[in-house]
C-alpha atoms as a PDB file:
ATOM      1  CA  MET A   1       0.000   0.000   0.000  1.00  0.00           C
ATOM      2  CA  VAL A   2       1.293   3.465  -0.881  1.00  0.00           C
ATOM      3  CA  SER A   3       0.270   6.906   0.375  1.00  0.00           C
ATOM      4  CA  GLY A   4       1.837  10.265  -0.362  1.00  0.00           C
ATOM      5  CA  ARG A   5       1.751  13.616  -2.110  1.00  0.00           C
ATOM      6  CA  TRP A   6       3.695  14.532  -5.266  1.00  0.00           C
ATOM      7  CA  PRO A   7       4.206  18.118  -6.528  1.00  0.00           C
ATOM      8  CA  TYR A   8       4.424  19.366 -10.114  1.00  0.00           C
ATOM      9  CA  ALA A   9       2.742  16.389 -11.792  1.00  0.00           C
ATOM     10  CA  SER A  10       2.784  17.923 -15.265  1.00  0.00           C
ATOM     11  CA  GLY A  11       0.090  16.600 -17.576  1.00  0.00           C
ATOM     12  CA  CYS A  12      -1.921  14.980 -14.790  1.00  0.00           C
ATOM     13  CA  THR A  13      -5.200  16.585 -15.895  1.00  0.00           C
ATOM     14  CA  SER A  14      -5.143  14.761 -19.224  1.00  0.00           C
ATOM     15  CA  ALA A  15      -3.265  11.620 -18.235  1.00  0.00           C
ATOM     16  CA  SER A  16      -4.901   8.209 -17.949  1.00  0.00           C
ATOM     17  CA  TRP A  17      -1.997   6.809 -15.953  1.00  0.00           C
ATOM     18  CA  ILE A  18       0.782   8.216 -13.822  1.00  0.00           C
ATOM     19  CA  ILE A  19       4.303   7.122 -12.890  1.00  0.00           C
ATOM     20  CA  ALA A  20       5.290   8.109  -9.352  1.00  0.00           C
ATOM     21  CA  GLY A  21       8.452   7.377  -7.407  1.00  0.00           C
ATOM     22  CA  PHE A  22       8.586   6.508  -3.736  1.00  0.00           C
ATOM     23  CA  THR A  23      11.017   5.259  -1.111  1.00  0.00           C
ATOM     24  CA  ASP A  24      10.820   1.545  -0.493  1.00  0.00           C
ATOM     25  CA  GLY A  25       9.469   0.969   2.987  1.00  0.00           C
ATOM     26  CA  ASP A  26      11.578  -2.168   3.268  1.00  0.00           C
ATOM     27  CA  ALA A  27      14.808  -0.309   2.488  1.00  0.00           C
ATOM     28  CA  ASP A  28      17.679  -0.213   4.926  1.00  0.00           C
ATOM     29  CA  PRO A  29      17.199   3.069   6.882  1.00  0.00           C
ATOM     30  CA  SER A  30      20.954   3.324   7.444  1.00  0.00           C
ATOM     31  CA  LYS A  31      21.589   3.818   3.744  1.00  0.00           C
ATOM     32  CA  ARG A  32      22.505   7.339   2.665  1.00  0.00           C
ATOM     33  CA  ASN A  33      20.364   6.978  -0.470  1.00  0.00           C
ATOM     34  CA  PRO A  34      17.394   4.737   0.309  1.00  0.00           C
ATOM     35  CA  ASP A  35      16.174   2.431  -2.414  1.00  0.00           C
ATOM     36  CA  THR A  36      13.456   3.894  -4.593  1.00  0.00           C
ATOM     37  CA  LYS A  37      10.804   2.329  -6.771  1.00  0.00           C
ATOM     38  CA  HIS A  38       8.368   3.579  -9.354  1.00  0.00           C
ATOM     39  CA  MET A  39       4.727   2.648  -9.632  1.00  0.00           C
ATOM     40  CA  LEU A  40       2.301   2.886 -12.513  1.00  0.00           C
ATOM     41  CA  LEU A  41      -1.219   3.816 -11.407  1.00  0.00           C
ATOM     42  CA  PRO A  42      -4.469   4.657 -13.247  1.00  0.00           C
ATOM     43  CA  ALA A  43      -6.014   8.105 -12.849  1.00  0.00           C
ATOM     44  CA  SER A  44      -8.764   6.655 -10.639  1.00  0.00           C
ATOM     45  CA  LYS A  45      -6.173   5.925  -7.936  1.00  0.00           C
ATOM     46  CA  TYR A  46      -4.957   9.481  -7.349  1.00  0.00           C
ATOM     47  CA  THR A  47      -6.474  12.872  -6.566  1.00  0.00           C
ATOM     48  CA  ILE A  48      -5.503  16.067  -8.366  1.00  0.00           C
ATOM     49  CA  GLU A  49      -5.087  19.075  -6.085  1.00  0.00           C
ATOM     50  CA  ASP A  50      -5.730  22.423  -7.769  1.00  0.00           C
ATOM     51  CA  THR A  51      -2.340  24.012  -6.987  1.00  0.00           C
ATOM     52  CA  TRP A  52      -1.053  25.069 -10.416  1.00  0.00           C
ATOM     53  CA  ARG A  53      -2.156  28.718 -10.511  1.00  0.00           C
ATOM     54  CA  VAL A  54       0.555  30.511 -12.471  1.00  0.00           C
ATOM     55  CA  MET A  55       0.861  33.274 -15.060  1.00  0.00           C
ATOM     56  CA  GLY A  56       2.894  31.229 -17.527  1.00  0.00           C
ATOM     57  CA  LEU A  57       3.020  27.575 -18.541  1.00  0.00           C
ATOM     58  CA  ARG A  58      -0.567  27.015 -17.474  1.00  0.00           C
ATOM     59  CA  GLY A  59      -0.944  24.412 -20.169  1.00  0.00           C
ATOM     60  CA  THR A  60       1.393  22.001 -18.372  1.00  0.00           C
ATOM     61  CA  GLY A  61      -1.212  21.454 -15.646  1.00  0.00           C
ATOM     62  CA  SER A  62       1.535  20.777 -13.096  1.00  0.00           C
ATOM     63  CA  HIS A  63      -0.759  20.335 -10.103  1.00  0.00           C
ATOM     64  CA  HIS A  64      -0.001  18.333  -6.992  1.00  0.00           C
ATOM     65  CA  ILE A  65      -1.402  14.824  -6.792  1.00  0.00           C
ATOM     66  CA  SER A  66      -2.113  12.767  -3.702  1.00  0.00           C
ATOM     67  CA  ILE A  67      -2.473   9.043  -3.217  1.00  0.00           C
ATOM     68  CA  GLU A  68      -3.969   7.413  -0.165  1.00  0.00           C
ATOM     69  CA  ASN A  69      -3.605   3.728   0.603  1.00  0.00           C
ATOM     70  CA  ALA A  70      -3.312   2.665  -3.024  1.00  0.00           C
ATOM     71  CA  PHE A  71      -2.566  -0.988  -3.593  1.00  0.00           C
ATOM     72  CA  VAL A  72       0.383  -1.378  -5.969  1.00  0.00           C
ATOM     73  CA  ALA A  73       0.661  -4.765  -7.639  1.00  0.00           C
ATOM     74  CA  ASP A  74       4.057  -6.215  -8.521  1.00  0.00           C
ATOM     75  CA  HIS A  75       3.399  -6.077 -12.273  1.00  0.00           C
ATOM     76  CA  VAL A  76       3.064  -2.253 -12.177  1.00  0.00           C
ATOM     77  CA  LEU A  77       6.093  -1.763  -9.968  1.00  0.00           C
ATOM     78  CA  THR A  78       9.617  -1.059 -11.212  1.00  0.00           C
ATOM     79  CA  LEU A  79      12.893  -0.791  -9.378  1.00  0.00           C
ATOM     80  CA  GLY A  80      14.889   2.388  -9.008  1.00  0.00           C
ATOM     81  CA  PRO A  81      17.497   3.746 -11.438  1.00  0.00           C
ATOM     82  CA  GLY A  82      19.793   0.728 -11.266  1.00  0.00           C
ATOM     83  CA  GLU A  83      22.802   0.434 -13.571  1.00  0.00           C
ATOM     84  CA  LEU A  84      23.189   2.999 -16.362  1.00  0.00           C
ATOM     85  CA  SER A  85      22.738   1.718 -19.892  1.00  0.00           C
ATOM     86  CA  VAL A  86      23.539   5.107 -21.471  1.00  0.00           C
ATOM     87  CA  ASN A  87      26.202   7.233 -19.808  1.00  0.00           C
ATOM     88  CA  ALA A  88      24.739  10.671 -20.525  1.00  0.00           C
ATOM     89  CA  PRO A  89      23.480  13.487 -18.265  1.00  0.00           C
ATOM     90  CA  LEU A  90      19.795  12.829 -18.924  1.00  0.00           C
ATOM     91  CA  TYR A  91      20.134   9.150 -18.009  1.00  0.00           C
ATOM     92  CA  ARG A  92      22.135   9.924 -14.852  1.00  0.00           C
ATOM     93  CA  HIS A  93      19.122  11.764 -13.466  1.00  0.00           C
ATOM     94  CA  PRO A  94      17.863   9.891 -10.370  1.00  0.00           C
ATOM     95  CA  ALA A  95      14.357   9.802 -11.822  1.00  0.00           C
ATOM     96  CA  HIS A  96      15.639   8.097 -14.956  1.00  0.00           C
ATOM     97  CA  LEU A  97      12.136   7.509 -16.313  1.00  0.00           C
ATOM     98  CA  ILE A  98      12.087  11.175 -17.310  1.00  0.00           C
ATOM     99  CA  ALA A  99      14.060  10.025 -20.354  1.00  0.00           C
ATOM    100  CA  LEU A 100      11.033   8.046 -21.467  1.00  0.00           C
ATOM    101  CA  GLY A 101       8.912  11.166 -21.261  1.00  0.00           C
ATOM    102  CA  HIS A 102      11.300  13.163 -23.415  1.00  0.00           C
ATOM    103  CA  GLY A 103      11.577  10.340 -25.924  1.00  0.00           C
ATOM    104  CA  ALA A 104       7.798   9.951 -26.112  1.00  0.00           C
ATOM    105  CA  VAL A 105       7.394  13.618 -27.058  1.00  0.00           C
ATOM    106  CA  HIS A 106       9.874  13.403 -29.927  1.00  0.00           C
ATOM    107  CA  ILE A 107       8.471  10.102 -31.161  1.00  0.00           C
ATOM    108  CA  GLY A 108       4.965  11.558 -31.068  1.00  0.00           C
ATOM    109  CA  ILE A 109       6.018  14.633 -33.057  1.00  0.00           C
ATOM    110  CA  ALA A 110       7.774  12.435 -35.614  1.00  0.00           C
ATOM    111  CA  GLN A 111       4.756  10.141 -35.909  1.00  0.00           C
ATOM    112  CA  VAL A 112       2.403  13.055 -36.587  1.00  0.00           C
ATOM    113  CA  ALA A 113       4.843  14.442 -39.163  1.00  0.00           C
ATOM    114  CA  ILE A 114       4.901  11.060 -40.908  1.00  0.00           C
ATOM    115  CA  GLU A 115       1.096  10.870 -40.866  1.00  0.00           C
ATOM    116  CA  ASP A 116       0.842  14.383 -42.320  1.00  0.00           C
ATOM    117  CA  LEU A 117       3.338  13.520 -45.046  1.00  0.00           C
ATOM    118  CA  ILE A 118       1.471  10.324 -45.891  1.00  0.00           C
ATOM    119  CA  GLY A 119      -1.790  12.299 -45.986  1.00  0.00           C
ATOM    120  CA  GLU A 120      -0.319  14.799 -48.426  1.00  0.00           C
ATOM    121  CA  GLY A 121       0.977  11.922 -50.521  1.00  0.00           C
ATOM    122  CA  ASP A 122      -2.454  10.299 -50.560  1.00  0.00           C
ATOM    123  CA  ALA A 123      -4.012  13.529 -51.806  1.00  0.00           C
ATOM    124  CA  ALA A 124      -1.340  13.961 -54.481  1.00  0.00           C
ATOM    125  CA  VAL A 125      -1.724  10.381 -55.688  1.00  0.00           C
ATOM    126  CA  ALA A 126      -5.509  10.657 -55.786  1.00  0.00           C
ATOM    127  CA  ALA A 127      -5.452  13.935 -57.731  1.00  0.00           C
ATOM    128  CA  HIS A 128      -2.856  12.956 -60.358  1.00  0.00           C
ATOM    129  CA  GLU A 129      -2.723   9.767 -62.379  1.00  0.00           C
ATOM    130  CA  PRO A 130       0.738   8.621 -63.503  1.00  0.00           C
ATOM    131  CA  LEU A 131       1.619   9.075 -67.168  1.00  0.00           C
ATOM    132  CA  ALA A 132       0.333   6.197 -69.280  1.00  0.00           C
ATOM    133  CA  ALA A 133       2.893   3.846 -70.814  1.00  0.00           C
ATOM    134  CA  ASP A 134       1.676   4.580 -74.354  1.00  0.00           C
ATOM    135  CA  ALA A 135       1.588   8.374 -73.924  1.00  0.00           C
ATOM    136  CA  LEU A 136       4.576   8.895 -76.263  1.00  0.00           C
ATOM    137  CA  ALA A 137       3.064   6.875 -79.087  1.00  0.00           C
ATOM    138  CA  ALA A 138       1.111   9.847 -80.431  1.00  0.00           C
ATOM    139  CA  VAL A 139       4.143  12.171 -80.483  1.00  0.00           C
ATOM    140  CA  PRO A 140       5.755  12.600 -83.924  1.00  0.00           C
ATOM    141  CA  PRO A 141       9.320  11.227 -83.865  1.00  0.00           C
ATOM    142  CA  CYS A 142      10.658  14.577 -85.025  1.00  0.00           C
ATOM    143  CA  ARG A 143       9.225  16.243 -81.911  1.00  0.00           C
ATOM    144  CA  LEU A 144      10.427  13.768 -79.272  1.00  0.00           C
ATOM    145  CA  GLY A 145      13.388  15.974 -78.410  1.00  0.00           C
ATOM    146  CA  ASP A 146      10.981  18.824 -77.569  1.00  0.00           C
ATOM    147  CA  LEU A 147       8.961  16.804 -75.054  1.00  0.00           C
ATOM    148  CA  VAL A 148       8.713  18.310 -71.574  1.00  0.00           C
ATOM    149  CA  PHE A 149       7.783  15.887 -68.806  1.00  0.00           C
ATOM    150  CA  VAL A 150       5.613  17.070 -65.895  1.00  0.00           C
ATOM    151  CA  PRO A 151       6.743  15.337 -62.677  1.00  0.00           C
ATOM    152  CA  HIS A 152       4.129  13.609 -60.552  1.00  0.00           C
ATOM    153  CA  PRO A 153       3.592  15.463 -57.206  1.00  0.00           C
ATOM    154  CA  ALA A 154       4.707  12.353 -55.304  1.00  0.00           C
ATOM    155  CA  THR A 155       8.063  12.157 -57.135  1.00  0.00           C
ATOM    156  CA  ARG A 156      11.142  12.973 -55.083  1.00  0.00           C
ATOM    157  CA  PHE A 157      14.834  12.970 -55.996  1.00  0.00           C
ATOM    158  CA  VAL A 158      17.343  12.451 -53.185  1.00  0.00           C
ATOM    159  CA  ARG A 159      21.012  13.337 -53.617  1.00  0.00           C
ATOM    160  CA  SER A 160      23.259  12.435 -50.721  1.00  0.00           C
ATOM    161  CA  ASP A 161      26.975  12.703 -50.023  1.00  0.00           C
ATOM    162  CA  TYR A 162      26.593   9.400 -48.188  1.00  0.00           C
ATOM    163  CA  PRO A 163      25.209   5.936 -49.084  1.00  0.00           C
ATOM    164  CA  ALA A 164      21.745   6.908 -47.850  1.00  0.00           C
ATOM    165  CA  LEU A 165      19.878   4.372 -49.973  1.00  0.00           C
ATOM    166  CA  THR A 166      22.183   1.505 -49.016  1.00  0.00           C
ATOM    167  CA  ILE A 167      21.749   2.345 -45.322  1.00  0.00           C
ATOM    168  CA  PHE A 168      17.980   2.639 -45.808  1.00  0.00           C
ATOM    169  CA  ALA A 169      17.785  -0.721 -47.568  1.00  0.00           C
ATOM    170  CA  ALA A 170      20.014  -2.436 -45.014  1.00  0.00           C
ATOM    171  CA  ASN A 171      17.756  -1.390 -42.164  1.00  0.00           C
ATOM    172  CA  ARG A 172      14.664  -2.677 -43.952  1.00  0.00           C
ATOM    173  CA  SER A 173      16.159  -6.035 -44.842  1.00  0.00           C
ATOM    174  CA  GLU A 174      16.220  -9.201 -42.766  1.00  0.00           C
ATOM    175  CA  ASP A 175      19.516 -10.234 -44.354  1.00  0.00           C
ATOM    176  CA  PRO A 176      22.658 -10.279 -42.188  1.00  0.00           C
ATOM    177  CA  PRO A 177      24.360  -6.855 -41.991  1.00  0.00           C
ATOM    178  CA  HIS A 178      27.367  -6.195 -44.177  1.00  0.00           C
ATOM    179  CA  PRO A 179      29.979  -3.415 -44.287  1.00  0.00           C
ATOM    180  CA  ILE A 180      28.918  -0.156 -45.943  1.00  0.00           C
ATOM    181  CA  LYS A 181      31.320   2.404 -47.426  1.00  0.00           C
ATOM    182  CA  ALA A 182      30.208   5.454 -45.495  1.00  0.00           C
ATOM    183  CA  THR A 183      31.937   7.933 -47.832  1.00  0.00           C
ATOM    184  CA  GLU A 184      30.302   6.768 -51.061  1.00  0.00           C
ATOM    185  CA  PRO A 185      27.624   9.205 -52.354  1.00  0.00           C
ATOM    186  CA  GLU A 186      24.330   7.943 -53.746  1.00  0.00           C
ATOM    187  CA  ASP A 187      21.340   9.299 -55.651  1.00  0.00           C
ATOM    188  CA  ALA A 188      17.879   7.843 -55.227  1.00  0.00           C
ATOM    189  CA  LEU A 189      14.442   8.144 -56.786  1.00  0.00           C
ATOM    190  CA  ILE A 190      11.305   7.981 -54.642  1.00  0.00           C
ATOM    191  CA  THR A 191       7.924   7.556 -56.307  1.00  0.00           C
ATOM    192  CA  ARG A 192       4.441   6.521 -55.324  1.00  0.00           C
ATOM    193  CA  PRO A 193       2.423   5.658 -58.426  1.00  0.00           C
ATOM    194  CA  GLY A 194      -0.199   3.859 -56.338  1.00  0.00           C
ATOM    195  CA  MET A 195      -0.353   3.220 -52.611  1.00  0.00           C
ATOM    196  CA  GLU A 196       3.117   1.673 -52.551  1.00  0.00           C
ATOM    197  CA  VAL A 197       6.234   3.793 -52.086  1.00  0.00           C
ATOM    198  CA  ILE A 198       9.058   2.831 -54.477  1.00  0.00           C
ATOM    199  CA  VAL A 199      12.674   3.696 -53.671  1.00  0.00           C
ATOM    200  CA  CYS A 200      15.362   2.894 -56.209  1.00  0.00           C
ATOM    201  CA  TYR A 201      19.022   3.645 -56.839  1.00  0.00           C
ATOM    202  CA  LEU A 202      20.039   5.972 -59.676  1.00  0.00           C
ATOM    203  CA  SER A 203      23.360   5.729 -61.468  1.00  0.00           C
ATOM    204  CA  PRO A 204      25.151   9.072 -61.995  1.00  0.00           C
ATOM    205  CA  ASP A 205      24.039   9.350 -65.644  1.00  0.00           C
ATOM    206  CA  ALA A 206      20.437   8.385 -64.796  1.00  0.00           C
ATOM    207  CA  ALA A 207      20.465  10.980 -62.027  1.00  0.00           C
ATOM    208  CA  GLU A 208      21.612  13.701 -64.424  1.00  0.00           C
ATOM    209  CA  PHE A 209      18.867  12.661 -66.830  1.00  0.00           C
ATOM    210  CA  LEU A 210      16.145  12.728 -64.182  1.00  0.00           C
ATOM    211  CA  VAL A 211      17.247  16.039 -62.662  1.00  0.00           C
ATOM    212  CA  ALA A 212      17.094  17.681 -66.079  1.00  0.00           C
ATOM    213  CA  LEU A 213      13.638  16.289 -66.828  1.00  0.00           C
ATOM    214  CA  ILE A 214      12.015  17.216 -63.507  1.00  0.00           C
ATOM    215  CA  SER A 215      13.625  20.660 -63.764  1.00  0.00           C
ATOM    216  CA  GLY A 216      11.644  21.274 -66.965  1.00  0.00           C
ATOM    217  CA  ASP A 217      14.339  20.698 -69.570  1.00  0.00           C
ATOM    218  CA  PRO A 218      13.077  19.100 -72.797  1.00  0.00           C
ATOM    219  CA  LEU A 219      13.963  15.494 -73.499  1.00  0.00           C
ATOM    220  CA  GLY A 220      16.685  16.419 -75.999  1.00  0.00           C
ATOM    221  CA  VAL A 221      18.544  18.571 -73.479  1.00  0.00           C
ATOM    222  CA  ALA A 222      18.192  15.981 -70.710  1.00  0.00           C
ATOM    223  CA  ALA A 223      19.463  13.244 -73.027  1.00  0.00           C
ATOM    224  CA  ALA A 224      22.498  15.323 -73.956  1.00  0.00           C
ATOM    225  CA  ARG A 225      23.392  15.805 -70.287  1.00  0.00           C
ATOM    226  CA  ALA A 226      23.075  12.087 -69.595  1.00  0.00           C
ATOM    227  CA  ILE A 227      25.160  11.101 -72.628  1.00  0.00           C
ATOM    228  CA  GLU A 228      27.818  13.604 -71.585  1.00  0.00           C
ATOM    229  CA  ALA A 229      28.006  11.791 -68.240  1.00  0.00           C
ATOM    230  CA  SER A 230      27.985   8.366 -69.898  1.00  0.00           C
ATOM    231  CA  PRO A 231      28.213   7.894 -73.711  1.00  0.00           C
ATOM    232  CA  SER A 232      26.523   4.477 -73.418  1.00  0.00           C
ATOM    233  CA  PHE A 233      23.432   5.895 -71.692  1.00  0.00           C
ATOM    234  CA  ASP A 234      20.253   4.167 -72.966  1.00  0.00           C
ATOM    235  CA  ILE A 235      17.686   6.938 -73.453  1.00  0.00           C
ATOM    236  CA  ALA A 236      14.740   4.736 -74.461  1.00  0.00           C
ATOM    237  CA  ALA A 237      15.205   2.281 -71.578  1.00  0.00           C
ATOM    238  CA  ASN A 238      15.484   5.054 -69.019  1.00  0.00           C
ATOM    239  CA  VAL A 239      12.420   6.923 -70.283  1.00  0.00           C
ATOM    240  CA  ALA A 240      10.418   3.689 -70.197  1.00  0.00           C
ATOM    241  CA  GLY A 241      11.653   2.916 -66.686  1.00  0.00           C
ATOM    242  CA  LEU A 242      10.781   6.367 -65.359  1.00  0.00           C
ATOM    243  CA  ILE A 243       7.282   6.198 -66.856  1.00  0.00           C
ATOM    244  CA  GLU A 244       6.757   2.722 -65.415  1.00  0.00           C
ATOM    245  CA  ALA A 245       7.843   3.990 -61.975  1.00  0.00           C
ATOM    246  CA  GLY A 246       5.196   6.717 -62.109  1.00  0.00           C
ATOM    247  CA  VAL A 247       7.675   9.594 -62.113  1.00  0.00           C
ATOM    248  CA  PHE A 248       5.588  11.762 -64.479  1.00  0.00           C
ATOM    249  CA  SER A 249       1.939  12.741 -64.687  1.00  0.00           C
ATOM    250  CA  ALA A 250       1.844  14.487 -68.070  1.00  0.00           C
ATOM    251  CA  ILE A 251       3.852  15.588 -71.124  1.00  0.00           C
ATOM    252  CA  THR A 252       3.795  18.771 -73.147  1.00  0.00           C
ATOM    253  CA  LEU A 253       5.573  19.896 -76.295  1.00  0.00           C
ATOM    254  CA  GLY A 254       8.048  22.684 -75.795  1.00  0.00           C
ATOM    255  CA  ASP A 255       9.113  25.227 -78.382  1.00  0.00           C
ATOM    256  CA  ALA A 256      10.254  23.610 -81.601  1.00  0.00           C
END
C-alpha cells in the first residue's frame, strides 16, 4: 500500500496513468540513499489538487497529486534507477524515467509528421494519375526531343553525399548486416504511383537525366546531359523505366 503527495505532476489533468516514485518501505534506513521504486497507477487511484495557478506555462497542468492507501501490484512496480545503460546526463538523473517522457514527445512529433506527409501523398496520388505507358506513341518522332515531362507530385529525388539508400535498404532487410562504405555518395528516386512507395538507386548518368527532366528541360537537353556523363546511356530504356515507376503525370511539347 502506498500513500503520499507529489508536486508538479505535469500533464496529470489529461493523463490516464501516472508514474510516481517513492522510497521503499523495506529499504535499509541506514543507507545514505534509500532504495526507490516507481509505480504505474491509473487516474482513478490518485487525486488532483488544484495548486497550479501561475501566469505562464498554465498548459502544463503541473498540479499536486495525492495518493492514499493505493494498492500497488508487482506487475506495475519497477525498481529504481539501477545500472546505467547510457552514460549521458539525462540518463544519470535519479528519476531516470524522465528520459522516457522526453523520448515519447519526440516520437509523437515524428509520428504526426509522418502521418501528415502520408496524408499529403495520398491527396497527391488521388489527384494525379501517372503518365500512361503509351503516352509517347502519339508524339511525332521529329518532336520527341521537344517533349517536356511534368513530374508527378509524389516524385522525389534524393542526392546524398553518403550511401543513404544503401543504409535505408540495409535497415529494412532481414539479411545479415554487411559493411557499408560510409563515404560513397548515392542518388535515389522515390515515387508513389499507387499506394506503394518505391525507392530505387540511380546511377550518376540516370540521375543527371532525371534532374534535367524534372527541372523542366526538354527530353533532348536531358538526353544530352546524360550522354555527356555516360556515352553508353540508354535513353529509351530510361524513359520507359521512369514512366513505369510513375515519375511523371503528363507531357507537353516545348518550343520547336
